[in-house]
Every structure is written in structure tokens, then in C-alpha cells.
Amino acid sequence: MTMSTGSVEDRRGVPRVDAHQHFWRYDAHEYAWIDTRMASIRRDFLPADLAPLLRASTFDACVAVQARQSHDETRALLAMADAHPFIAGVVGWVDLQADRLRESLEAAAAHPALVGVRHVVQDEPDDRFLLRPAFRRGIGLLQEFGLAYDLLLHPRHLKVALDLVARFPDTRFVLDHLAKPSIRTGEIDRWARDLEALAACPHVVAKLSGLVTEAAWNAWTPKQIRPYLDVAFDCFGAGRLMIGSDWPVCTLAGDYGRVMAVVIDYLRGRPASDRDHVLGGTAVRFWNLRIARRAGVEGQHE
């Protein structure tokens, strides 16, 4: 893939944004979810590692998403955004069930790079965690601070997620990884029905991210993933979809360029307006991202 020689915004009218990736300084205790199957990502992944990958795939900016439930990690991601302008936004973690949540949100939202929050609901033993009264109280405060909420779920949680978002029609929600459909087994029908129901809520958008790691890591093909992309486009439409790499987790199944090419190549047969939405426009509008003209990724004009 050729290197970018100019601003993507100049060429396409909208910047290209990787709407979902992670940074971390690896610590075995703090990142215990990175199990032995994931040994290759048991190391640091920092902005200097991602910048050349974005540049090579002609992406201008990214949104960094929390990978552990820690205020310290959120502060670290915001500090990275201060130091690296290509990090256009941060989806951090705040304890939405805390008694003094308003104070925490006031402190976190004071940073302009914080665009949303996320909780790792997929790992909660209670499948109805999203509907706990304390958690719902927390969700109810997000709009006041201009923050969106990332839904990190498995397919079995989609009905509960629908219940949640229906209670908060003025809060912006984004579904991560299309709720992780079981591409490995080929199951699609029930997931598609539940996704369609969630997509009927106009204040929900979705990320085309994390799909390769729901397939067989060493044997997936773009053809396997296309039916799930078809469902996503039928349900949400291009104007409510955004591309995301899920880097570095995606490297378990493929390098950055190959992973991003799944969606980029899928879009080649669609209108230019669809490409603009999915490759950056949806992310910019949804999070109100400020991506300075000609700022781009470090080194892009070197």
C-alpha cells in the first residue's frame, strides 16, 4: 500500500478516521484479559507505533478507546491526545455507578479530547448489567456533559441494549464491533434480527470494527465477513456506520492494512458518499471531532 503524499482531507473532502483502536503500556496484572492465546500483543502499543500504519493506509486521525476500567488509563489516553494531534478523540472509562459520578464526569469532560465513555459489559456476569438502576443513572448524566456511550456487547446482549437505548432517546450510543457476531461459526440470522431492532433507534450508530477476530484468526477471508457487512449496511445505512481497526487486537488475525482493507474494499462498489460516511464522515459528525486541516498524522508530509 502506497504512502500518503498529502492531506486526505484535501483529496476526499472529509478526513479519514480510524474510529476504534487502543494504546497501552503492557502490564500483566492491568491487562489480564490478554490471555495466552494473545501472547503476540503482550507488549506496549503506543502512538508512535500506530502513526506509520495510519499514514500508510491514508488515514488522518483515530479515536483511542479504553482497554481497562481505570481512571488512570483514561488520563493517560488524554495525555497522549495532547501530545499527538492525530488522536482526535478518546473514549475513556468512568465508573458510571459511582456515588460521586457527577464530579468525575465534570473532571473528565473538562478535557476536550474526551468524546465518550465505555464499560466492558461483555465481561459482566450479569447479562442485564446495562439495566441496573445505578448504571442507568450514570447513562442519564452523559448527555449533560456532551458524551456518547460505547456499547461493548455480545449478540446475547442486544435485546438488553435495545431496552437501554430506548430509555435514553437523547443520548448518543455507538455499537462496538457490531456486537461481535459469531463469524467463526457462520451464525447470522438471530444476530441480524436483533441488530435490525437496535438500528431502528436513530440515536445509535455502529462501528465496522473487530470483525476479523470473530472469525478464525488464521483462516478468515473477506468473503466470510461480507454477509455481516451487508446486514450492517441494510440496518444502519452508510450514514450511521464508521470504520475501526481495533488495533492492536486486530493483529491477532491480520496486519493493519489487511484488516482495514476488508471494509475499504467492500466500499469500492458503493457510492462515493457511502465511502465518505464510513471512512470518516460518520465519526466526525457523531463525536464532533476537530481535525485540523493539514494536521494529519505525524510525518505525513515528510
C-alpha atoms as a PDB file:
ATOM      1  CA  MET A   1       0.000   0.000   0.000  1.00  0.00           C
ATOM      2  CA  THR A   2       1.469   3.362  -1.021  1.00  0.00           C
ATOM      3  CA  MET A   3       2.334   6.074   1.449  1.00  0.00           C
ATOM      4  CA  SER A   4       0.196   9.189   1.626  1.00  0.00           C
ATOM      5  CA  THR A   5       1.715  12.237  -0.058  1.00  0.00           C
ATOM      6  CA  GLY A   6      -0.831  14.817   1.004  1.00  0.00           C
ATOM      7  CA  SER A   7      -3.761  15.514   3.267  1.00  0.00           C
ATOM      8  CA  VAL A   8      -6.573  13.005   2.884  1.00  0.00           C
ATOM      9  CA  GLU A   9      -8.991  15.816   3.719  1.00  0.00           C
ATOM     10  CA  ASP A  10      -7.713  17.761   0.705  1.00  0.00           C
ATOM     11  CA  ARG A  11      -8.319  14.802  -1.634  1.00  0.00           C
ATOM     12  CA  ARG A  12     -11.615  13.466  -0.333  1.00  0.00           C
ATOM     13  CA  GLY A  13     -13.383  16.406   1.256  1.00  0.00           C
ATOM     14  CA  VAL A  14     -13.563  14.686   4.664  1.00  0.00           C
ATOM     15  CA  PRO A  15     -10.763  13.292   6.814  1.00  0.00           C
ATOM     16  CA  ARG A  16     -10.332   9.560   7.191  1.00  0.00           C
ATOM     17  CA  VAL A  17     -10.732   8.401  10.776  1.00  0.00           C
ATOM     18  CA  ASP A  18      -9.974   5.039  12.381  1.00  0.00           C
ATOM     19  CA  ALA A  19     -12.837   5.131  14.878  1.00  0.00           C
ATOM     20  CA  HIS A  20     -11.641   2.370  17.200  1.00  0.00           C
ATOM     21  CA  GLN A  21      -8.149   1.475  18.375  1.00  0.00           C
ATOM     22  CA  HIS A  22      -6.222   1.107  21.626  1.00  0.00           C
ATOM     23  CA  PHE A  23      -2.955   2.159  23.220  1.00  0.00           C
ATOM     24  CA  TRP A  24      -1.357   0.615  26.270  1.00  0.00           C
ATOM     25  CA  ARG A  25       1.831   0.130  28.226  1.00  0.00           C
ATOM     26  CA  TYR A  26       1.508  -3.565  28.863  1.00  0.00           C
ATOM     27  CA  ASP A  27       1.238  -4.809  32.417  1.00  0.00           C
ATOM     28  CA  ALA A  28       0.187  -8.414  33.019  1.00  0.00           C
ATOM     29  CA  HIS A  29      -1.951  -7.529  36.018  1.00  0.00           C
ATOM     30  CA  GLU A  30      -3.642  -4.491  34.497  1.00  0.00           C
ATOM     31  CA  TYR A  31      -4.346  -6.226  31.187  1.00  0.00           C
ATOM     32  CA  ALA A  32      -5.240  -9.665  32.471  1.00  0.00           C
ATOM     33  CA  TRP A  33      -7.797 -10.078  29.658  1.00  0.00           C
ATOM     34  CA  ILE A  34      -4.876 -10.527  27.246  1.00  0.00           C
ATOM     35  CA  ASP A  35      -4.632 -14.274  27.727  1.00  0.00           C
ATOM     36  CA  THR A  36      -2.100 -16.819  26.455  1.00  0.00           C
ATOM     37  CA  ARG A  37      -3.822 -17.038  23.063  1.00  0.00           C
ATOM     38  CA  MET A  38      -2.979 -13.357  22.647  1.00  0.00           C
ATOM     39  CA  ALA A  39       0.706 -13.583  23.534  1.00  0.00           C
ATOM     40  CA  SER A  40       1.714 -11.529  20.494  1.00  0.00           C
ATOM     41  CA  ILE A  41       0.061  -8.397  21.919  1.00  0.00           C
ATOM     42  CA  ARG A  42       1.589  -8.721  25.373  1.00  0.00           C
ATOM     43  CA  ARG A  43       3.757  -5.652  24.850  1.00  0.00           C
ATOM     44  CA  ASP A  44       3.468  -1.890  24.613  1.00  0.00           C
ATOM     45  CA  PHE A  45       1.420  -0.328  21.801  1.00  0.00           C
ATOM     46  CA  LEU A  46       1.831   3.444  21.642  1.00  0.00           C
ATOM     47  CA  PRO A  47       1.087   6.343  19.266  1.00  0.00           C
ATOM     48  CA  ALA A  48       4.494   6.085  17.624  1.00  0.00           C
ATOM     49  CA  ASP A  49       3.594   2.506  16.626  1.00  0.00           C
ATOM     50  CA  LEU A  50       0.254   3.434  15.097  1.00  0.00           C
ATOM     51  CA  ALA A  51       1.225   6.628  13.264  1.00  0.00           C
ATOM     52  CA  PRO A  52       3.025   4.934  10.341  1.00  0.00           C
ATOM     53  CA  LEU A  53       0.183   2.432   9.946  1.00  0.00           C
ATOM     54  CA  LEU A  54      -2.387   5.216   9.691  1.00  0.00           C
ATOM     55  CA  ARG A  55      -0.157   7.057   7.262  1.00  0.00           C
ATOM     56  CA  ALA A  56       0.356   4.009   5.044  1.00  0.00           C
ATOM     57  CA  SER A  57      -3.402   3.425   4.843  1.00  0.00           C
ATOM     58  CA  THR A  58      -4.055   7.161   4.238  1.00  0.00           C
ATOM     59  CA  PHE A  59      -5.947   7.750   7.487  1.00  0.00           C
ATOM     60  CA  ASP A  60      -5.669  11.177   9.069  1.00  0.00           C
ATOM     61  CA  ALA A  61      -6.793  10.535  12.619  1.00  0.00           C
ATOM     62  CA  CYS A  62      -8.009   7.979  15.130  1.00  0.00           C
ATOM     63  CA  VAL A  63     -10.175   7.612  18.209  1.00  0.00           C
ATOM     64  CA  ALA A  64      -8.464   5.846  21.121  1.00  0.00           C
ATOM     65  CA  VAL A  65     -10.719   3.587  23.203  1.00  0.00           C
ATOM     66  CA  GLN A  66     -10.214   2.354  26.742  1.00  0.00           C
ATOM     67  CA  ALA A  67      -8.927  -1.193  27.225  1.00  0.00           C
ATOM     68  CA  ARG A  68      -9.103  -1.405  31.013  1.00  0.00           C
ATOM     69  CA  GLN A  69     -11.505   0.071  33.539  1.00  0.00           C
ATOM     70  CA  SER A  70      -9.272   2.630  35.134  1.00  0.00           C
ATOM     71  CA  HIS A  71      -9.311   6.388  35.605  1.00  0.00           C
ATOM     72  CA  ASP A  72      -5.515   6.264  35.290  1.00  0.00           C
ATOM     73  CA  GLU A  73      -5.766   4.778  31.809  1.00  0.00           C
ATOM     74  CA  THR A  74      -8.267   7.435  30.755  1.00  0.00           C
ATOM     75  CA  ARG A  75      -5.922  10.178  31.958  1.00  0.00           C
ATOM     76  CA  ALA A  76      -3.038   8.527  30.100  1.00  0.00           C
ATOM     77  CA  LEU A  77      -5.029   8.377  26.845  1.00  0.00           C
ATOM     78  CA  LEU A  78      -5.974  12.048  27.182  1.00  0.00           C
ATOM     79  CA  ALA A  79      -2.313  12.936  27.733  1.00  0.00           C
ATOM     80  CA  MET A  80      -1.478  11.042  24.534  1.00  0.00           C
ATOM     81  CA  ALA A  81      -4.121  13.065  22.695  1.00  0.00           C
ATOM     82  CA  ASP A  82      -2.468  16.252  23.968  1.00  0.00           C
ATOM     83  CA  ALA A  83       0.890  15.091  22.627  1.00  0.00           C
ATOM     84  CA  HIS A  84      -0.313  13.628  19.310  1.00  0.00           C
ATOM     85  CA  PRO A  85      -2.864  15.669  17.331  1.00  0.00           C
ATOM     86  CA  PHE A  86      -3.809  12.682  15.163  1.00  0.00           C
ATOM     87  CA  ILE A  87      -5.608  11.242  18.224  1.00  0.00           C
ATOM     88  CA  ALA A  88      -8.810  13.162  17.541  1.00  0.00           C
ATOM     89  CA  GLY A  89     -10.821  11.730  20.416  1.00  0.00           C
ATOM     90  CA  VAL A  90     -10.730   9.432  23.429  1.00  0.00           C
ATOM     91  CA  VAL A  91     -13.420   7.041  24.648  1.00  0.00           C
ATOM     92  CA  GLY A  92     -12.422   6.551  28.256  1.00  0.00           C
ATOM     93  CA  TRP A  93     -13.763   4.861  31.358  1.00  0.00           C
ATOM     94  CA  VAL A  94     -15.641   6.452  34.223  1.00  0.00           C
ATOM     95  CA  ASP A  95     -17.385   4.495  36.969  1.00  0.00           C
ATOM     96  CA  LEU A  96     -20.961   5.158  35.914  1.00  0.00           C
ATOM     97  CA  GLN A  97     -22.259   3.592  39.129  1.00  0.00           C
ATOM     98  CA  ALA A  98     -20.236   5.799  41.470  1.00  0.00           C
ATOM     99  CA  ASP A  99     -21.996   7.895  44.102  1.00  0.00           C
ATOM    100  CA  ARG A 100     -19.957  10.965  43.098  1.00  0.00           C
ATOM    101  CA  LEU A 101     -20.240  10.393  39.364  1.00  0.00           C
ATOM    102  CA  ARG A 102     -21.100  13.987  38.522  1.00  0.00           C
ATOM    103  CA  GLU A 103     -17.784  15.154  39.967  1.00  0.00           C
ATOM    104  CA  SER A 104     -15.891  12.504  37.983  1.00  0.00           C
ATOM    105  CA  LEU A 105     -17.649  13.481  34.761  1.00  0.00           C
ATOM    106  CA  GLU A 106     -17.002  17.163  35.366  1.00  0.00           C
ATOM    107  CA  ALA A 107     -13.289  16.474  35.762  1.00  0.00           C
ATOM    108  CA  ALA A 108     -13.018  14.105  32.798  1.00  0.00           C
ATOM    109  CA  ALA A 109     -15.201  16.093  30.394  1.00  0.00           C
ATOM    110  CA  ALA A 110     -13.159  19.226  31.019  1.00  0.00           C
ATOM    111  CA  HIS A 111     -10.658  17.729  28.561  1.00  0.00           C
ATOM    112  CA  PRO A 112     -11.818  18.473  25.001  1.00  0.00           C
ATOM    113  CA  ALA A 113     -10.483  15.161  23.649  1.00  0.00           C
ATOM    114  CA  LEU A 114     -12.877  13.074  25.755  1.00  0.00           C
ATOM    115  CA  VAL A 115     -15.746  12.215  23.427  1.00  0.00           C
ATOM    116  CA  GLY A 116     -17.327   9.229  25.160  1.00  0.00           C
ATOM    117  CA  VAL A 117     -17.127   6.538  27.803  1.00  0.00           C
ATOM    118  CA  ARG A 118     -17.295   2.751  27.754  1.00  0.00           C
ATOM    119  CA  HIS A 119     -17.763  -0.089  30.217  1.00  0.00           C
ATOM    120  CA  VAL A 120     -16.699  -3.661  29.393  1.00  0.00           C
ATOM    121  CA  VAL A 121     -20.225  -5.016  29.645  1.00  0.00           C
ATOM    122  CA  GLN A 122     -19.342  -8.132  27.658  1.00  0.00           C
ATOM    123  CA  ASP A 123     -17.366  -9.431  30.648  1.00  0.00           C
ATOM    124  CA  GLU A 124     -20.004  -8.743  33.285  1.00  0.00           C
ATOM    125  CA  PRO A 125     -21.553 -11.971  34.688  1.00  0.00           C
ATOM    126  CA  ASP A 126     -24.971 -10.313  34.766  1.00  0.00           C
ATOM    127  CA  ASP A 127     -26.354 -10.253  31.204  1.00  0.00           C
ATOM    128  CA  ARG A 128     -28.741  -7.481  32.264  1.00  0.00           C
ATOM    129  CA  PHE A 129     -25.981  -5.295  33.704  1.00  0.00           C
ATOM    130  CA  LEU A 130     -26.902  -2.397  31.410  1.00  0.00           C
ATOM    131  CA  LEU A 131     -30.289  -2.094  33.114  1.00  0.00           C
ATOM    132  CA  ARG A 132     -29.044  -1.893  36.685  1.00  0.00           C
ATOM    133  CA  PRO A 133     -30.555   1.237  38.280  1.00  0.00           C
ATOM    134  CA  ALA A 134     -27.176   2.677  39.269  1.00  0.00           C
ATOM    135  CA  PHE A 135     -25.775   2.149  35.792  1.00  0.00           C
ATOM    136  CA  ARG A 136     -28.839   3.710  34.163  1.00  0.00           C
ATOM    137  CA  ARG A 137     -28.478   6.738  36.424  1.00  0.00           C
ATOM    138  CA  GLY A 138     -24.947   7.112  35.104  1.00  0.00           C
ATOM    139  CA  ILE A 139     -26.030   6.819  31.478  1.00  0.00           C
ATOM    140  CA  GLY A 140     -28.604   9.500  32.174  1.00  0.00           C
ATOM    141  CA  LEU A 141     -25.864  12.031  33.014  1.00  0.00           C
ATOM    142  CA  LEU A 142     -23.801  11.615  29.838  1.00  0.00           C
ATOM    143  CA  GLN A 143     -25.818  13.922  27.622  1.00  0.00           C
ATOM    144  CA  GLU A 144     -25.345  16.775  30.088  1.00  0.00           C
ATOM    145  CA  PHE A 145     -21.592  16.514  29.537  1.00  0.00           C
ATOM    146  CA  GLY A 146     -21.771  16.014  25.765  1.00  0.00           C
ATOM    147  CA  LEU A 147     -20.515  12.429  25.976  1.00  0.00           C
ATOM    148  CA  ALA A 148     -21.561   9.387  23.962  1.00  0.00           C
ATOM    149  CA  TYR A 149     -21.615   5.817  25.240  1.00  0.00           C
ATOM    150  CA  ASP A 150     -19.897   2.842  23.566  1.00  0.00           C
ATOM    151  CA  LEU A 151     -21.805  -0.446  23.750  1.00  0.00           C
ATOM    152  CA  LEU A 152     -19.329  -3.339  24.057  1.00  0.00           C
ATOM    153  CA  LEU A 153     -21.540  -6.405  23.821  1.00  0.00           C
ATOM    154  CA  HIS A 154     -22.049  -9.928  22.585  1.00  0.00           C
ATOM    155  CA  PRO A 155     -25.095 -10.852  20.485  1.00  0.00           C
ATOM    156  CA  ARG A 156     -26.931 -12.151  23.562  1.00  0.00           C
ATOM    157  CA  HIS A 157     -26.907  -8.622  24.996  1.00  0.00           C
ATOM    158  CA  LEU A 158     -28.568  -6.915  22.031  1.00  0.00           C
ATOM    159  CA  LYS A 159     -32.115  -7.124  23.377  1.00  0.00           C
ATOM    160  CA  VAL A 160     -30.995  -5.637  26.695  1.00  0.00           C
ATOM    161  CA  ALA A 161     -29.119  -2.912  24.825  1.00  0.00           C
ATOM    162  CA  LEU A 162     -32.298  -2.095  22.921  1.00  0.00           C
ATOM    163  CA  ASP A 163     -34.131  -1.686  26.217  1.00  0.00           C
ATOM    164  CA  LEU A 164     -31.401   0.660  27.464  1.00  0.00           C
ATOM    165  CA  VAL A 165     -31.166   2.920  24.423  1.00  0.00           C
ATOM    166  CA  ALA A 166     -34.957   3.173  24.187  1.00  0.00           C
ATOM    167  CA  ARG A 167     -34.947   4.702  27.694  1.00  0.00           C
ATOM    168  CA  PHE A 168     -32.453   7.407  26.645  1.00  0.00           C
ATOM    169  CA  PRO A 169     -33.529   8.757  23.254  1.00  0.00           C
ATOM    170  CA  ASP A 170     -31.426  11.914  23.648  1.00  0.00           C
ATOM    171  CA  THR A 171     -28.158  10.102  24.448  1.00  0.00           C
ATOM    172  CA  ARG A 172     -25.813   9.106  21.633  1.00  0.00           C
ATOM    173  CA  PHE A 173     -24.808   5.431  21.520  1.00  0.00           C
ATOM    174  CA  VAL A 174     -22.306   3.605  19.318  1.00  0.00           C
ATOM    175  CA  LEU A 175     -22.231  -0.174  18.995  1.00  0.00           C
ATOM    176  CA  ASP A 176     -18.691  -1.572  19.005  1.00  0.00           C
ATOM    177  CA  HIS A 177     -17.728  -4.416  16.666  1.00  0.00           C
ATOM    178  CA  LEU A 178     -21.358  -4.922  15.512  1.00  0.00           C
ATOM    179  CA  ALA A 179     -21.852  -6.755  18.840  1.00  0.00           C
ATOM    180  CA  LYS A 180     -19.289  -9.402  17.862  1.00  0.00           C
ATOM    181  CA  PRO A 181     -21.312 -11.739  15.617  1.00  0.00           C
ATOM    182  CA  SER A 182     -20.106 -15.334  15.504  1.00  0.00           C
ATOM    183  CA  ILE A 183     -18.390 -15.187  12.119  1.00  0.00           C
ATOM    184  CA  ARG A 184     -16.348 -18.225  13.079  1.00  0.00           C
ATOM    185  CA  THR A 185     -19.471 -20.432  13.157  1.00  0.00           C
ATOM    186  CA  GLY A 186     -21.396 -18.581  10.464  1.00  0.00           C
ATOM    187  CA  GLU A 187     -24.388 -17.849  12.712  1.00  0.00           C
ATOM    188  CA  ILE A 188     -26.123 -14.751  11.384  1.00  0.00           C
ATOM    189  CA  ASP A 189     -29.941 -14.876  11.437  1.00  0.00           C
ATOM    190  CA  ARG A 190     -30.704 -14.182  15.104  1.00  0.00           C
ATOM    191  CA  TRP A 191     -27.929 -11.619  15.357  1.00  0.00           C
ATOM    192  CA  ALA A 192     -29.266  -9.886  12.238  1.00  0.00           C
ATOM    193  CA  ARG A 193     -32.796  -9.671  13.649  1.00  0.00           C
ATOM    194  CA  ASP A 194     -31.610  -8.209  16.931  1.00  0.00           C
ATOM    195  CA  LEU A 195     -29.230  -5.805  15.174  1.00  0.00           C
ATOM    196  CA  GLU A 196     -32.069  -4.561  12.983  1.00  0.00           C
ATOM    197  CA  ALA A 197     -34.166  -3.849  16.074  1.00  0.00           C
ATOM    198  CA  LEU A 198     -31.355  -1.853  17.682  1.00  0.00           C
ATOM    199  CA  ALA A 199     -30.669   0.019  14.457  1.00  0.00           C
ATOM    200  CA  ALA A 200     -34.291   1.197  14.400  1.00  0.00           C
ATOM    201  CA  CYS A 201     -33.246   3.621  17.152  1.00  0.00           C
ATOM    202  CA  PRO A 202     -31.903   6.639  15.238  1.00  0.00           C
ATOM    203  CA  HIS A 203     -29.572   7.740  18.045  1.00  0.00           C
ATOM    204  CA  VAL A 204     -27.460   4.560  17.680  1.00  0.00           C
ATOM    205  CA  VAL A 205     -24.571   4.231  15.230  1.00  0.00           C
ATOM    206  CA  ALA A 206     -22.194   1.289  14.772  1.00  0.00           C
ATOM    207  CA  LYS A 207     -18.535   0.548  14.192  1.00  0.00           C
ATOM    208  CA  LEU A 208     -17.362  -1.818  11.472  1.00  0.00           C
ATOM    209  CA  SER A 209     -14.539  -2.985  13.706  1.00  0.00           C
ATOM    210  CA  GLY A 210     -13.302  -6.087  15.484  1.00  0.00           C
ATOM    211  CA  LEU A 211     -14.798  -8.469  12.940  1.00  0.00           C
ATOM    212  CA  VAL A 212     -11.666 -10.334  11.874  1.00  0.00           C
ATOM    213  CA  THR A 213     -11.073 -11.564  15.417  1.00  0.00           C
ATOM    214  CA  GLU A 214     -14.605 -13.012  15.483  1.00  0.00           C
ATOM    215  CA  ALA A 215     -13.559 -15.211  12.555  1.00  0.00           C
ATOM    216  CA  ALA A 216     -10.892 -17.925  12.596  1.00  0.00           C
ATOM    217  CA  TRP A 217      -7.741 -15.889  13.181  1.00  0.00           C
ATOM    218  CA  ASN A 218      -5.534 -17.821  10.764  1.00  0.00           C
ATOM    219  CA  ALA A 219      -8.113 -18.773   8.155  1.00  0.00           C
ATOM    220  CA  TRP A 220     -10.600 -15.936   7.608  1.00  0.00           C
ATOM    221  CA  THR A 221     -11.347 -14.394   4.243  1.00  0.00           C
ATOM    222  CA  PRO A 222     -13.088 -11.129   3.315  1.00  0.00           C
ATOM    223  CA  LYS A 223     -15.804 -13.242   1.681  1.00  0.00           C
ATOM    224  CA  GLN A 224     -16.731 -14.647   5.108  1.00  0.00           C
ATOM    225  CA  ILE A 225     -17.187 -11.173   6.532  1.00  0.00           C
ATOM    226  CA  ARG A 226     -19.144  -9.611   3.657  1.00  0.00           C
ATOM    227  CA  PRO A 227     -22.561 -11.032   4.713  1.00  0.00           C
ATOM    228  CA  TYR A 228     -22.184  -9.333   8.101  1.00  0.00           C
ATOM    229  CA  LEU A 229     -21.278  -6.057   6.418  1.00  0.00           C
ATOM    230  CA  ASP A 230     -24.334  -6.468   4.167  1.00  0.00           C
ATOM    231  CA  VAL A 231     -26.548  -6.748   7.253  1.00  0.00           C
ATOM    232  CA  ALA A 232     -24.920  -3.715   8.877  1.00  0.00           C
ATOM    233  CA  PHE A 233     -25.474  -1.550   5.795  1.00  0.00           C
ATOM    234  CA  ASP A 234     -29.058  -2.767   5.419  1.00  0.00           C
ATOM    235  CA  CYS A 235     -29.784  -1.978   9.079  1.00  0.00           C
ATOM    236  CA  PHE A 236     -27.906   1.269   9.689  1.00  0.00           C
ATOM    237  CA  GLY A 237     -27.122   2.701   6.277  1.00  0.00           C
ATOM    238  CA  ALA A 238     -23.719   4.183   5.496  1.00  0.00           C
ATOM    239  CA  GLY A 239     -24.516   7.422   7.322  1.00  0.00           C
ATOM    240  CA  ARG A 240     -24.561   5.630  10.679  1.00  0.00           C
ATOM    241  CA  LEU A 241     -21.522   3.385  10.182  1.00  0.00           C
ATOM    242  CA  MET A 242     -17.827   4.035  10.810  1.00  0.00           C
ATOM    243  CA  ILE A 243     -14.689   2.044  10.132  1.00  0.00           C
ATOM    244  CA  GLY A 244     -12.444   0.946  13.006  1.00  0.00           C
ATOM    245  CA  SER A 245      -9.367  -1.238  13.130  1.00  0.00           C
ATOM    246  CA  ASP A 246      -9.464  -2.469  16.741  1.00  0.00           C
ATOM    247  CA  TRP A 247      -5.661  -2.220  16.555  1.00  0.00           C
ATOM    248  CA  PRO A 248      -3.626  -3.785  18.094  1.00  0.00           C
ATOM    249  CA  VAL A 249      -6.124  -6.543  18.955  1.00  0.00           C
ATOM    250  CA  CYS A 250      -6.795  -6.979  15.243  1.00  0.00           C
ATOM    251  CA  THR A 251      -3.180  -8.023  14.681  1.00  0.00           C
ATOM    252  CA  LEU A 252      -4.075 -11.395  16.147  1.00  0.00           C
ATOM    253  CA  ALA A 253      -5.819 -12.047  12.832  1.00  0.00           C
ATOM    254  CA  GLY A 254      -4.047  -9.783  10.352  1.00  0.00           C
ATOM    255  CA  ASP A 255      -1.890  -6.705   9.893  1.00  0.00           C
ATOM    256  CA  TYR A 256      -3.388  -3.225   9.978  1.00  0.00           C
ATOM    257  CA  GLY A 257      -3.580  -2.757   6.215  1.00  0.00           C
ATOM    258  CA  ARG A 258      -5.211  -6.125   5.569  1.00  0.00           C
ATOM    259  CA  VAL A 259      -7.782  -5.598   8.316  1.00  0.00           C
ATOM    260  CA  MET A 260      -8.781  -2.121   7.139  1.00  0.00           C
ATOM    261  CA  ALA A 261      -8.923  -3.333   3.536  1.00  0.00           C
ATOM    262  CA  VAL A 262     -11.900  -5.571   4.393  1.00  0.00           C
ATOM    263  CA  VAL A 263     -14.181  -2.554   4.734  1.00  0.00           C
ATOM    264  CA  ILE A 264     -12.338  -0.319   2.254  1.00  0.00           C
ATOM    265  CA  ASP A 265     -12.603  -2.938  -0.494  1.00  0.00           C
ATOM    266  CA  TYR A 266     -16.248  -3.626   0.361  1.00  0.00           C
ATOM    267  CA  LEU A 267     -16.971   0.068  -0.188  1.00  0.00           C
ATOM    268  CA  ARG A 268     -15.472   0.116  -3.683  1.00  0.00           C
ATOM    269  CA  GLY A 269     -18.776  -0.969  -5.182  1.00  0.00           C
ATOM    270  CA  ARG A 270     -20.797   1.643  -3.305  1.00  0.00           C
ATOM    271  CA  PRO A 271     -21.402   5.361  -3.946  1.00  0.00           C
ATOM    272  CA  ALA A 272     -18.670   7.846  -3.080  1.00  0.00           C
ATOM    273  CA  SER A 273     -20.949   9.350  -0.430  1.00  0.00           C
ATOM    274  CA  ASP A 274     -21.060   5.973   1.361  1.00  0.00           C
ATOM    275  CA  ARG A 275     -17.271   5.845   1.382  1.00  0.00           C
ATOM    276  CA  ASP A 276     -17.082   9.364   2.801  1.00  0.00           C
ATOM    277  CA  HIS A 277     -19.506   8.487   5.605  1.00  0.00           C
ATOM    278  CA  VAL A 278     -17.916   5.207   6.655  1.00  0.00           C
ATOM    279  CA  LEU A 279     -14.258   6.177   6.279  1.00  0.00           C
ATOM    280  CA  GLY A 280     -14.534   9.334   8.350  1.00  0.00           C
ATOM    281  CA  GLY A 281     -17.651  11.433   7.965  1.00  0.00           C
ATOM    282  CA  THR A 282     -19.798   9.494  10.428  1.00  0.00           C
ATOM    283  CA  ALA A 283     -17.101   9.605  13.105  1.00  0.00           C
ATOM    284  CA  VAL A 284     -16.524  13.345  12.643  1.00  0.00           C
ATOM    285  CA  ARG A 285     -20.246  14.116  12.918  1.00  0.00           C
ATOM    286  CA  PHE A 286     -21.037  11.678  15.714  1.00  0.00           C
ATOM    287  CA  TRP A 287     -18.276  12.866  18.039  1.00  0.00           C
ATOM    288  CA  ASN A 288     -17.981  16.402  16.638  1.00  0.00           C
ATOM    289  CA  LEU A 289     -14.292  15.759  16.054  1.00  0.00           C
ATOM    290  CA  ARG A 290     -11.978  18.659  15.366  1.00  0.00           C
ATOM    291  CA  ILE A 291      -9.368  17.534  12.873  1.00  0.00           C
ATOM    292  CA  ALA A 292      -7.221  20.462  11.809  1.00  0.00           C
ATOM    293  CA  ARG A 293      -6.820  20.879   8.072  1.00  0.00           C
ATOM    294  CA  ARG A 294      -3.371  19.695   7.019  1.00  0.00           C
ATOM    295  CA  ALA A 295      -2.594  18.459  10.548  1.00  0.00           C
ATOM    296  CA  GLY A 296      -2.817  14.791   9.722  1.00  0.00           C
ATOM    297  CA  VAL A 297      -0.635  12.029  11.115  1.00  0.00           C
ATOM    298  CA  GLU A 298       2.865  12.873  12.320  1.00  0.00           C
ATOM    299  CA  GLY A 299       5.325  12.557   9.497  1.00  0.00           C
ATOM    300  CA  GLN A 300       2.660  12.518   6.771  1.00  0.00           C
ATOM    301  CA  HIS A 301       4.323  15.348   4.837  1.00  0.00           C
ATOM    302  CA  GLU A 302       7.898  14.364   5.500  1.00  0.00           C
END
